[in-house]
Amino acid sequence: MRPSTLILFMAFFAADVPAQTNHALSFADVARPKPGEWPTYHGNLSGNRFSPLDQINATTIHSLAPKWMFTIQGAPRALQMTPVVVDGVMYVTSVNEAYALEARSGRELWHYSRPRTQGLAGDAASGINRGVAVLGDRVFMVTDNAHVIALQRDNGLLLWDVEMADSGQNYGATGAPLVVNDLVIAGVSGGERRPSIPRCVPRVDRRTRLALLDRPCAG
């Protein structure tokens, strides 16, 4: 494994907000991010990844320098996630694991992990995870075997675990979930390796606040 696959993120600047995870993040805060925050995969719901911050510009770019670096030990490949930053806390992932870090210092606040699933195929088998979604007091992410899970924001404890599709049928999951109002939307992968597997259509399961499937992902 090359060392570069272990280097997670070098923070060049961070919001001046002290780290706090006890503030329930509303959907309004996701839809209209506060200055210095990146509360969803694309930064905002437009998906354009544009930030209105202006500290980094043509004049200051030459003085940009690393402040800290955090290593995910044993990451199976180069990381593909986008860090999510809420209330001074940065949430980052590798396959089947999530970290909460103090954004200003890189100090680890908590770490959640579970074993990788054996016998998978496709991109999920290679150890890809693209990040989390945050809403209320919870952090949401997918696992390699096509589950979506909810973690407590302040300590990383597992709150619930829902199977989206049967990984034995060649399904996996790698993408960052998306929050919309009080729902969490997550999808599955696998069709690129087995085109005959059924496609899945989202539906709403209000009992778990999770967008699941109109029909099972099964043959």
C-alpha atoms as a PDB file:
ATOM      1  CA  MET A   1       0.000   0.000   0.000  1.00  0.00           C
ATOM      2  CA  ARG A   2       1.427   3.372  -1.007  1.00  0.00           C
ATOM      3  CA  PRO A   3       1.675   6.004   1.743  1.00  0.00           C
ATOM      4  CA  SER A   4      -0.343   8.447  -0.356  1.00  0.00           C
ATOM      5  CA  THR A   5      -3.414   6.300   0.093  1.00  0.00           C
ATOM      6  CA  LEU A   6      -3.250   6.953   3.839  1.00  0.00           C
ATOM      7  CA  ILE A   7      -3.091  10.735   3.764  1.00  0.00           C
ATOM      8  CA  LEU A   8      -6.560  12.043   4.389  1.00  0.00           C
ATOM      9  CA  PHE A   9      -6.664  15.815   4.382  1.00  0.00           C
ATOM     10  CA  MET A  10      -4.478  18.834   4.982  1.00  0.00           C
ATOM     11  CA  ALA A  11      -6.505  21.693   6.430  1.00  0.00           C
ATOM     12  CA  PHE A  12      -5.431  25.076   5.126  1.00  0.00           C
ATOM     13  CA  PHE A  13      -8.009  27.053   7.053  1.00  0.00           C
ATOM     14  CA  ALA A  14     -11.087  26.325   9.128  1.00  0.00           C
ATOM     15  CA  ALA A  15     -14.070  28.197  10.429  1.00  0.00           C
ATOM     16  CA  ASP A  16     -13.583  30.003  13.733  1.00  0.00           C
ATOM     17  CA  VAL A  17     -16.555  28.179  15.219  1.00  0.00           C
ATOM     18  CA  PRO A  18     -15.459  25.927  18.116  1.00  0.00           C
ATOM     19  CA  ALA A  19     -16.233  22.261  17.628  1.00  0.00           C
ATOM     20  CA  GLN A  20     -19.656  21.327  18.955  1.00  0.00           C
ATOM     21  CA  THR A  21     -21.845  18.383  18.015  1.00  0.00           C
ATOM     22  CA  ASN A  22     -24.822  18.930  20.308  1.00  0.00           C
ATOM     23  CA  HIS A  23     -26.489  21.480  18.007  1.00  0.00           C
ATOM     24  CA  ALA A  24     -29.194  19.755  15.946  1.00  0.00           C
ATOM     25  CA  LEU A  25     -28.607  20.617  12.297  1.00  0.00           C
ATOM     26  CA  SER A  26     -31.838  21.659  10.590  1.00  0.00           C
ATOM     27  CA  PHE A  27     -32.528  21.135   6.909  1.00  0.00           C
ATOM     28  CA  ALA A  28     -32.575  24.932   6.548  1.00  0.00           C
ATOM     29  CA  ASP A  29     -28.911  24.943   7.645  1.00  0.00           C
ATOM     30  CA  VAL A  30     -28.161  22.326   4.972  1.00  0.00           C
ATOM     31  CA  ALA A  31     -30.078  24.188   2.267  1.00  0.00           C
ATOM     32  CA  ARG A  32     -28.532  27.569   3.212  1.00  0.00           C
ATOM     33  CA  PRO A  33     -25.107  26.810   4.707  1.00  0.00           C
ATOM     34  CA  LYS A  34     -23.559  29.159   7.241  1.00  0.00           C
ATOM     35  CA  PRO A  35     -20.296  30.866   6.180  1.00  0.00           C
ATOM     36  CA  GLY A  36     -17.370  28.462   6.518  1.00  0.00           C
ATOM     37  CA  GLU A  37     -19.509  25.311   6.635  1.00  0.00           C
ATOM     38  CA  TRP A  38     -19.811  22.490   4.106  1.00  0.00           C
ATOM     39  CA  PRO A  39     -22.840  20.546   5.398  1.00  0.00           C
ATOM     40  CA  THR A  40     -23.450  18.230   2.459  1.00  0.00           C
ATOM     41  CA  TYR A  41     -21.498  16.336  -0.199  1.00  0.00           C
ATOM     42  CA  HIS A  42     -21.539  19.171  -2.749  1.00  0.00           C
ATOM     43  CA  GLY A  43     -21.469  21.952  -0.156  1.00  0.00           C
ATOM     44  CA  ASN A  44     -25.010  23.044  -1.003  1.00  0.00           C
ATOM     45  CA  LEU A  45     -28.047  21.559  -2.695  1.00  0.00           C
ATOM     46  CA  SER A  46     -27.281  23.155  -6.065  1.00  0.00           C
ATOM     47  CA  GLY A  47     -24.488  20.626  -6.540  1.00  0.00           C
ATOM     48  CA  ASN A  48     -22.092  23.199  -8.012  1.00  0.00           C
ATOM     49  CA  ARG A  49     -19.564  23.058  -5.115  1.00  0.00           C
ATOM     50  CA  PHE A  50     -19.210  26.848  -5.145  1.00  0.00           C
ATOM     51  CA  SER A  51     -18.103  28.564  -1.918  1.00  0.00           C
ATOM     52  CA  PRO A  52     -18.726  32.296  -1.369  1.00  0.00           C
ATOM     53  CA  LEU A  53     -15.757  32.538   1.020  1.00  0.00           C
ATOM     54  CA  ASP A  54     -13.081  34.939  -0.180  1.00  0.00           C
ATOM     55  CA  GLN A  55     -10.091  34.420   2.172  1.00  0.00           C
ATOM     56  CA  ILE A  56      -8.390  32.384  -0.546  1.00  0.00           C
ATOM     57  CA  ASN A  57      -7.969  34.478  -3.675  1.00  0.00           C
ATOM     58  CA  ALA A  58      -5.351  35.434  -6.270  1.00  0.00           C
ATOM     59  CA  THR A  59      -3.497  37.511  -3.695  1.00  0.00           C
ATOM     60  CA  THR A  60      -3.471  35.069  -0.764  1.00  0.00           C
ATOM     61  CA  ILE A  61      -3.075  31.783  -2.619  1.00  0.00           C
ATOM     62  CA  HIS A  62       0.724  32.003  -2.468  1.00  0.00           C
ATOM     63  CA  SER A  63       0.715  31.982   1.346  1.00  0.00           C
ATOM     64  CA  LEU A  64      -1.504  28.900   1.627  1.00  0.00           C
ATOM     65  CA  ALA A  65       0.195  26.278   3.822  1.00  0.00           C
ATOM     66  CA  PRO A  66      -0.799  23.014   5.553  1.00  0.00           C
ATOM     67  CA  LYS A  67      -2.053  23.332   9.147  1.00  0.00           C
ATOM     68  CA  TRP A  68      -2.557  19.661  10.011  1.00  0.00           C
ATOM     69  CA  MET A  69      -2.773  16.207   8.481  1.00  0.00           C
ATOM     70  CA  PHE A  70      -4.817  13.194   9.555  1.00  0.00           C
ATOM     71  CA  THR A  71      -4.121   9.586   8.598  1.00  0.00           C
ATOM     72  CA  ILE A  72      -6.690   6.827   8.185  1.00  0.00           C
ATOM     73  CA  GLN A  73      -4.703   3.740   9.068  1.00  0.00           C
ATOM     74  CA  GLY A  74      -5.221   0.771   6.756  1.00  0.00           C
ATOM     75  CA  ALA A  75      -7.266   2.585   4.127  1.00  0.00           C
ATOM     76  CA  PRO A  76      -7.450   0.076   1.239  1.00  0.00           C
ATOM     77  CA  ARG A  77      -7.110   2.674  -1.523  1.00  0.00           C
ATOM     78  CA  ALA A  78      -6.889   6.387  -2.245  1.00  0.00           C
ATOM     79  CA  LEU A  79      -9.736   8.240  -0.563  1.00  0.00           C
ATOM     80  CA  GLN A  80     -12.671   9.488  -2.639  1.00  0.00           C
ATOM     81  CA  MET A  81     -14.859  11.176  -0.030  1.00  0.00           C
ATOM     82  CA  THR A  82     -15.636  14.867   0.398  1.00  0.00           C
ATOM     83  CA  PRO A  83     -15.170  16.141   3.984  1.00  0.00           C
ATOM     84  CA  VAL A  84     -18.397  17.510   5.495  1.00  0.00           C
ATOM     85  CA  VAL A  85     -17.990  20.369   7.999  1.00  0.00           C
ATOM     86  CA  VAL A  86     -20.711  21.321  10.495  1.00  0.00           C
ATOM     87  CA  ASP A  87     -20.329  23.380  13.693  1.00  0.00           C
ATOM     88  CA  GLY A  88     -16.538  23.192  13.594  1.00  0.00           C
ATOM     89  CA  VAL A  89     -16.516  19.394  13.195  1.00  0.00           C
ATOM     90  CA  MET A  90     -15.259  17.644  10.055  1.00  0.00           C
ATOM     91  CA  TYR A  91     -16.727  14.245   9.133  1.00  0.00           C
ATOM     92  CA  VAL A  92     -14.611  11.989   6.905  1.00  0.00           C
ATOM     93  CA  THR A  93     -14.847   8.366   5.814  1.00  0.00           C
ATOM     94  CA  SER A  94     -13.139   5.362   4.358  1.00  0.00           C
ATOM     95  CA  VAL A  95     -14.932   2.116   3.569  1.00  0.00           C
ATOM     96  CA  ASN A  96     -17.134   1.092   6.542  1.00  0.00           C
ATOM     97  CA  GLU A  97     -15.649   3.678   8.882  1.00  0.00           C
ATOM     98  CA  ALA A  98     -16.270   7.292   9.815  1.00  0.00           C
ATOM     99  CA  TYR A  99     -14.312   9.849  11.806  1.00  0.00           C
ATOM    100  CA  ALA A 100     -15.341  13.099  13.466  1.00  0.00           C
ATOM    101  CA  LEU A 101     -12.427  15.555  13.674  1.00  0.00           C
ATOM    102  CA  GLU A 102     -12.032  18.984  15.188  1.00  0.00           C
ATOM    103  CA  ALA A 103     -11.746  21.065  12.021  1.00  0.00           C
ATOM    104  CA  ARG A 104      -9.258  23.604  13.401  1.00  0.00           C
ATOM    105  CA  SER A 105      -6.785  21.089  14.833  1.00  0.00           C
ATOM    106  CA  GLY A 106      -7.486  17.696  13.235  1.00  0.00           C
ATOM    107  CA  ARG A 107      -8.012  16.171  16.687  1.00  0.00           C
ATOM    108  CA  GLU A 108     -10.076  12.979  16.569  1.00  0.00           C
ATOM    109  CA  LEU A 109     -13.391  13.269  18.414  1.00  0.00           C
ATOM    110  CA  TRP A 110     -14.753   9.820  17.644  1.00  0.00           C
ATOM    111  CA  HIS A 111     -14.331   6.900  15.253  1.00  0.00           C
ATOM    112  CA  TYR A 112     -16.880   4.334  14.050  1.00  0.00           C
ATOM    113  CA  SER A 113     -15.889   1.198  12.129  1.00  0.00           C
ATOM    114  CA  ARG A 114     -17.157  -2.222  11.139  1.00  0.00           C
ATOM    115  CA  PRO A 115     -15.435  -5.084   9.254  1.00  0.00           C
ATOM    116  CA  ARG A 116     -15.401  -5.028   5.456  1.00  0.00           C
ATOM    117  CA  THR A 117     -17.737  -7.482   3.732  1.00  0.00           C
ATOM    118  CA  GLN A 118     -16.123 -10.422   1.975  1.00  0.00           C
ATOM    119  CA  GLY A 119     -17.185 -11.703  -1.449  1.00  0.00           C
ATOM    120  CA  LEU A 120     -18.406  -8.421  -2.923  1.00  0.00           C
ATOM    121  CA  ALA A 121     -17.954  -7.423  -6.573  1.00  0.00           C
ATOM    122  CA  GLY A 122     -17.542  -4.110  -8.341  1.00  0.00           C
ATOM    123  CA  ASP A 123     -16.587  -0.745  -6.864  1.00  0.00           C
ATOM    124  CA  ALA A 124     -17.892  -1.609  -3.393  1.00  0.00           C
ATOM    125  CA  ALA A 125     -15.380  -4.469  -3.204  1.00  0.00           C
ATOM    126  CA  SER A 126     -12.484  -2.083  -3.850  1.00  0.00           C
ATOM    127  CA  GLY A 127     -13.036  -0.079  -0.673  1.00  0.00           C
ATOM    128  CA  ILE A 128     -14.690   3.111  -1.937  1.00  0.00           C
ATOM    129  CA  ASN A 129     -16.780   5.365   0.277  1.00  0.00           C
ATOM    130  CA  ARG A 130     -17.651   8.931  -0.702  1.00  0.00           C
ATOM    131  CA  GLY A 131     -18.747  10.447   2.585  1.00  0.00           C
ATOM    132  CA  VAL A 132     -21.622  11.235   4.916  1.00  0.00           C
ATOM    133  CA  ALA A 133     -24.790  13.266   5.239  1.00  0.00           C
ATOM    134  CA  VAL A 134     -25.669  15.160   8.421  1.00  0.00           C
ATOM    135  CA  LEU A 135     -29.135  16.058   9.708  1.00  0.00           C
ATOM    136  CA  GLY A 136     -30.388  16.774  13.207  1.00  0.00           C
ATOM    137  CA  ASP A 137     -28.230  14.912  15.718  1.00  0.00           C
ATOM    138  CA  ARG A 138     -27.256  12.153  13.271  1.00  0.00           C
ATOM    139  CA  VAL A 139     -24.595  11.286  10.714  1.00  0.00           C
ATOM    140  CA  PHE A 140     -25.615   8.987   7.838  1.00  0.00           C
ATOM    141  CA  MET A 141     -23.396   6.826   5.641  1.00  0.00           C
ATOM    142  CA  VAL A 142     -23.581   3.707   3.485  1.00  0.00           C
ATOM    143  CA  THR A 143     -21.643   0.487   3.984  1.00  0.00           C
ATOM    144  CA  ASP A 144     -19.973  -1.669   1.353  1.00  0.00           C
ATOM    145  CA  ASN A 145     -22.743  -4.318   1.560  1.00  0.00           C
ATOM    146  CA  ALA A 146     -25.558  -1.906   0.595  1.00  0.00           C
ATOM    147  CA  HIS A 147     -26.721  -0.865   4.052  1.00  0.00           C
ATOM    148  CA  VAL A 148     -27.314   2.693   5.211  1.00  0.00           C
ATOM    149  CA  ILE A 149     -26.621   3.494   8.854  1.00  0.00           C
ATOM    150  CA  ALA A 150     -27.245   6.353  11.277  1.00  0.00           C
ATOM    151  CA  LEU A 151     -24.646   7.385  13.861  1.00  0.00           C
ATOM    152  CA  GLN A 152     -25.027   9.708  16.843  1.00  0.00           C
ATOM    153  CA  ARG A 153     -23.268  12.977  15.969  1.00  0.00           C
ATOM    154  CA  ASP A 154     -21.740  13.582  19.390  1.00  0.00           C
ATOM    155  CA  ASN A 155     -20.195  10.133  19.965  1.00  0.00           C
ATOM    156  CA  GLY A 156     -20.465   7.997  16.786  1.00  0.00           C
ATOM    157  CA  LEU A 157     -22.687   5.327  18.348  1.00  0.00           C
ATOM    158  CA  LEU A 158     -24.751   3.265  15.898  1.00  0.00           C
ATOM    159  CA  LEU A 159     -28.456   4.203  16.079  1.00  0.00           C
ATOM    160  CA  TRP A 160     -29.905   2.123  13.256  1.00  0.00           C
ATOM    161  CA  ASP A 161     -28.884  -0.028  10.300  1.00  0.00           C
ATOM    162  CA  VAL A 162     -31.125  -0.678   7.281  1.00  0.00           C
ATOM    163  CA  GLU A 163     -30.403  -3.006   4.357  1.00  0.00           C
ATOM    164  CA  MET A 164     -31.122  -1.367   0.987  1.00  0.00           C
ATOM    165  CA  ALA A 165     -30.378  -4.449  -1.140  1.00  0.00           C
ATOM    166  CA  ASP A 166     -28.980  -7.967  -0.855  1.00  0.00           C
ATOM    167  CA  SER A 167     -25.199  -7.827  -1.296  1.00  0.00           C
ATOM    168  CA  GLY A 168     -25.332 -11.527  -2.198  1.00  0.00           C
ATOM    169  CA  GLN A 169     -27.049 -10.434  -5.434  1.00  0.00           C
ATOM    170  CA  ASN A 170     -24.032  -8.293  -6.401  1.00  0.00           C
ATOM    171  CA  TYR A 171     -25.256  -5.056  -4.823  1.00  0.00           C
ATOM    172  CA  GLY A 172     -23.034  -2.697  -2.863  1.00  0.00           C
ATOM    173  CA  ALA A 173     -23.007   0.972  -1.905  1.00  0.00           C
ATOM    174  CA  THR A 174     -20.354   3.684  -2.113  1.00  0.00           C
ATOM    175  CA  GLY A 175     -22.070   7.071  -2.513  1.00  0.00           C
ATOM    176  CA  ALA A 176     -22.650   9.777   0.079  1.00  0.00           C
ATOM    177  CA  PRO A 177     -26.304   9.970   1.176  1.00  0.00           C
ATOM    178  CA  LEU A 178     -28.375  13.087   0.537  1.00  0.00           C
ATOM    179  CA  VAL A 179     -30.740  14.715   3.061  1.00  0.00           C
ATOM    180  CA  VAL A 180     -33.950  16.387   1.884  1.00  0.00           C
ATOM    181  CA  ASN A 181     -36.236  17.842   4.544  1.00  0.00           C
ATOM    182  CA  ASP A 182     -36.592  15.009   7.093  1.00  0.00           C
ATOM    183  CA  LEU A 183     -35.536  12.256   4.696  1.00  0.00           C
ATOM    184  CA  VAL A 184     -32.242  10.534   3.933  1.00  0.00           C
ATOM    185  CA  ILE A 185     -31.796   9.273   0.371  1.00  0.00           C
ATOM    186  CA  ALA A 186     -29.194   6.629  -0.411  1.00  0.00           C
ATOM    187  CA  GLY A 187     -28.641   4.349  -3.378  1.00  0.00           C
ATOM    188  CA  VAL A 188     -26.871   1.164  -4.414  1.00  0.00           C
ATOM    189  CA  SER A 189     -24.273   0.133  -6.989  1.00  0.00           C
ATOM    190  CA  GLY A 190     -23.638  -3.068  -8.903  1.00  0.00           C
ATOM    191  CA  GLY A 191     -25.216  -2.696 -12.336  1.00  0.00           C
ATOM    192  CA  GLU A 192     -21.892  -1.973 -14.004  1.00  0.00           C
ATOM    193  CA  ARG A 193     -20.745  -5.526 -13.222  1.00  0.00           C
ATOM    194  CA  ARG A 194     -24.030  -7.314 -13.775  1.00  0.00           C
ATOM    195  CA  PRO A 195     -26.332  -5.414 -16.174  1.00  0.00           C
ATOM    196  CA  SER A 196     -29.209  -7.849 -15.660  1.00  0.00           C
ATOM    197  CA  ILE A 197     -29.829  -6.916 -12.022  1.00  0.00           C
ATOM    198  CA  PRO A 198     -33.047  -4.911 -11.485  1.00  0.00           C
ATOM    199  CA  ARG A 199     -32.909  -1.158 -11.108  1.00  0.00           C
ATOM    200  CA  CYS A 200     -34.202   0.372  -7.896  1.00  0.00           C
ATOM    201  CA  VAL A 201     -36.712   3.206  -7.503  1.00  0.00           C
ATOM    202  CA  PRO A 202     -36.688   5.375  -4.342  1.00  0.00           C
ATOM    203  CA  ARG A 203     -39.637   5.457  -1.951  1.00  0.00           C
ATOM    204  CA  VAL A 204     -40.074   6.967   1.501  1.00  0.00           C
ATOM    205  CA  ASP A 205     -40.022   4.921   4.693  1.00  0.00           C
ATOM    206  CA  ARG A 206     -40.996   7.430   7.361  1.00  0.00           C
ATOM    207  CA  ARG A 207     -40.412   5.003  10.238  1.00  0.00           C
ATOM    208  CA  THR A 208     -36.655   5.237   9.710  1.00  0.00           C
ATOM    209  CA  ARG A 209     -36.592   8.616   7.912  1.00  0.00           C
ATOM    210  CA  LEU A 210     -34.939   6.768   5.039  1.00  0.00           C
ATOM    211  CA  ALA A 211     -35.654   6.772   1.305  1.00  0.00           C
ATOM    212  CA  LEU A 212     -35.526   3.104   0.313  1.00  0.00           C
ATOM    213  CA  LEU A 213     -36.955   1.251  -2.681  1.00  0.00           C
ATOM    214  CA  ASP A 214     -40.272   0.873  -4.462  1.00  0.00           C
ATOM    215  CA  ARG A 215     -39.328  -2.672  -5.364  1.00  0.00           C
ATOM    216  CA  PRO A 216     -36.685  -4.930  -3.868  1.00  0.00           C
ATOM    217  CA  CYS A 217     -33.301  -5.100  -5.549  1.00  0.00           C
ATOM    218  CA  ALA A 218     -33.535  -8.818  -6.275  1.00  0.00           C
ATOM    219  CA  GLY A 219     -33.668 -11.059  -9.306  1.00  0.00           C
END
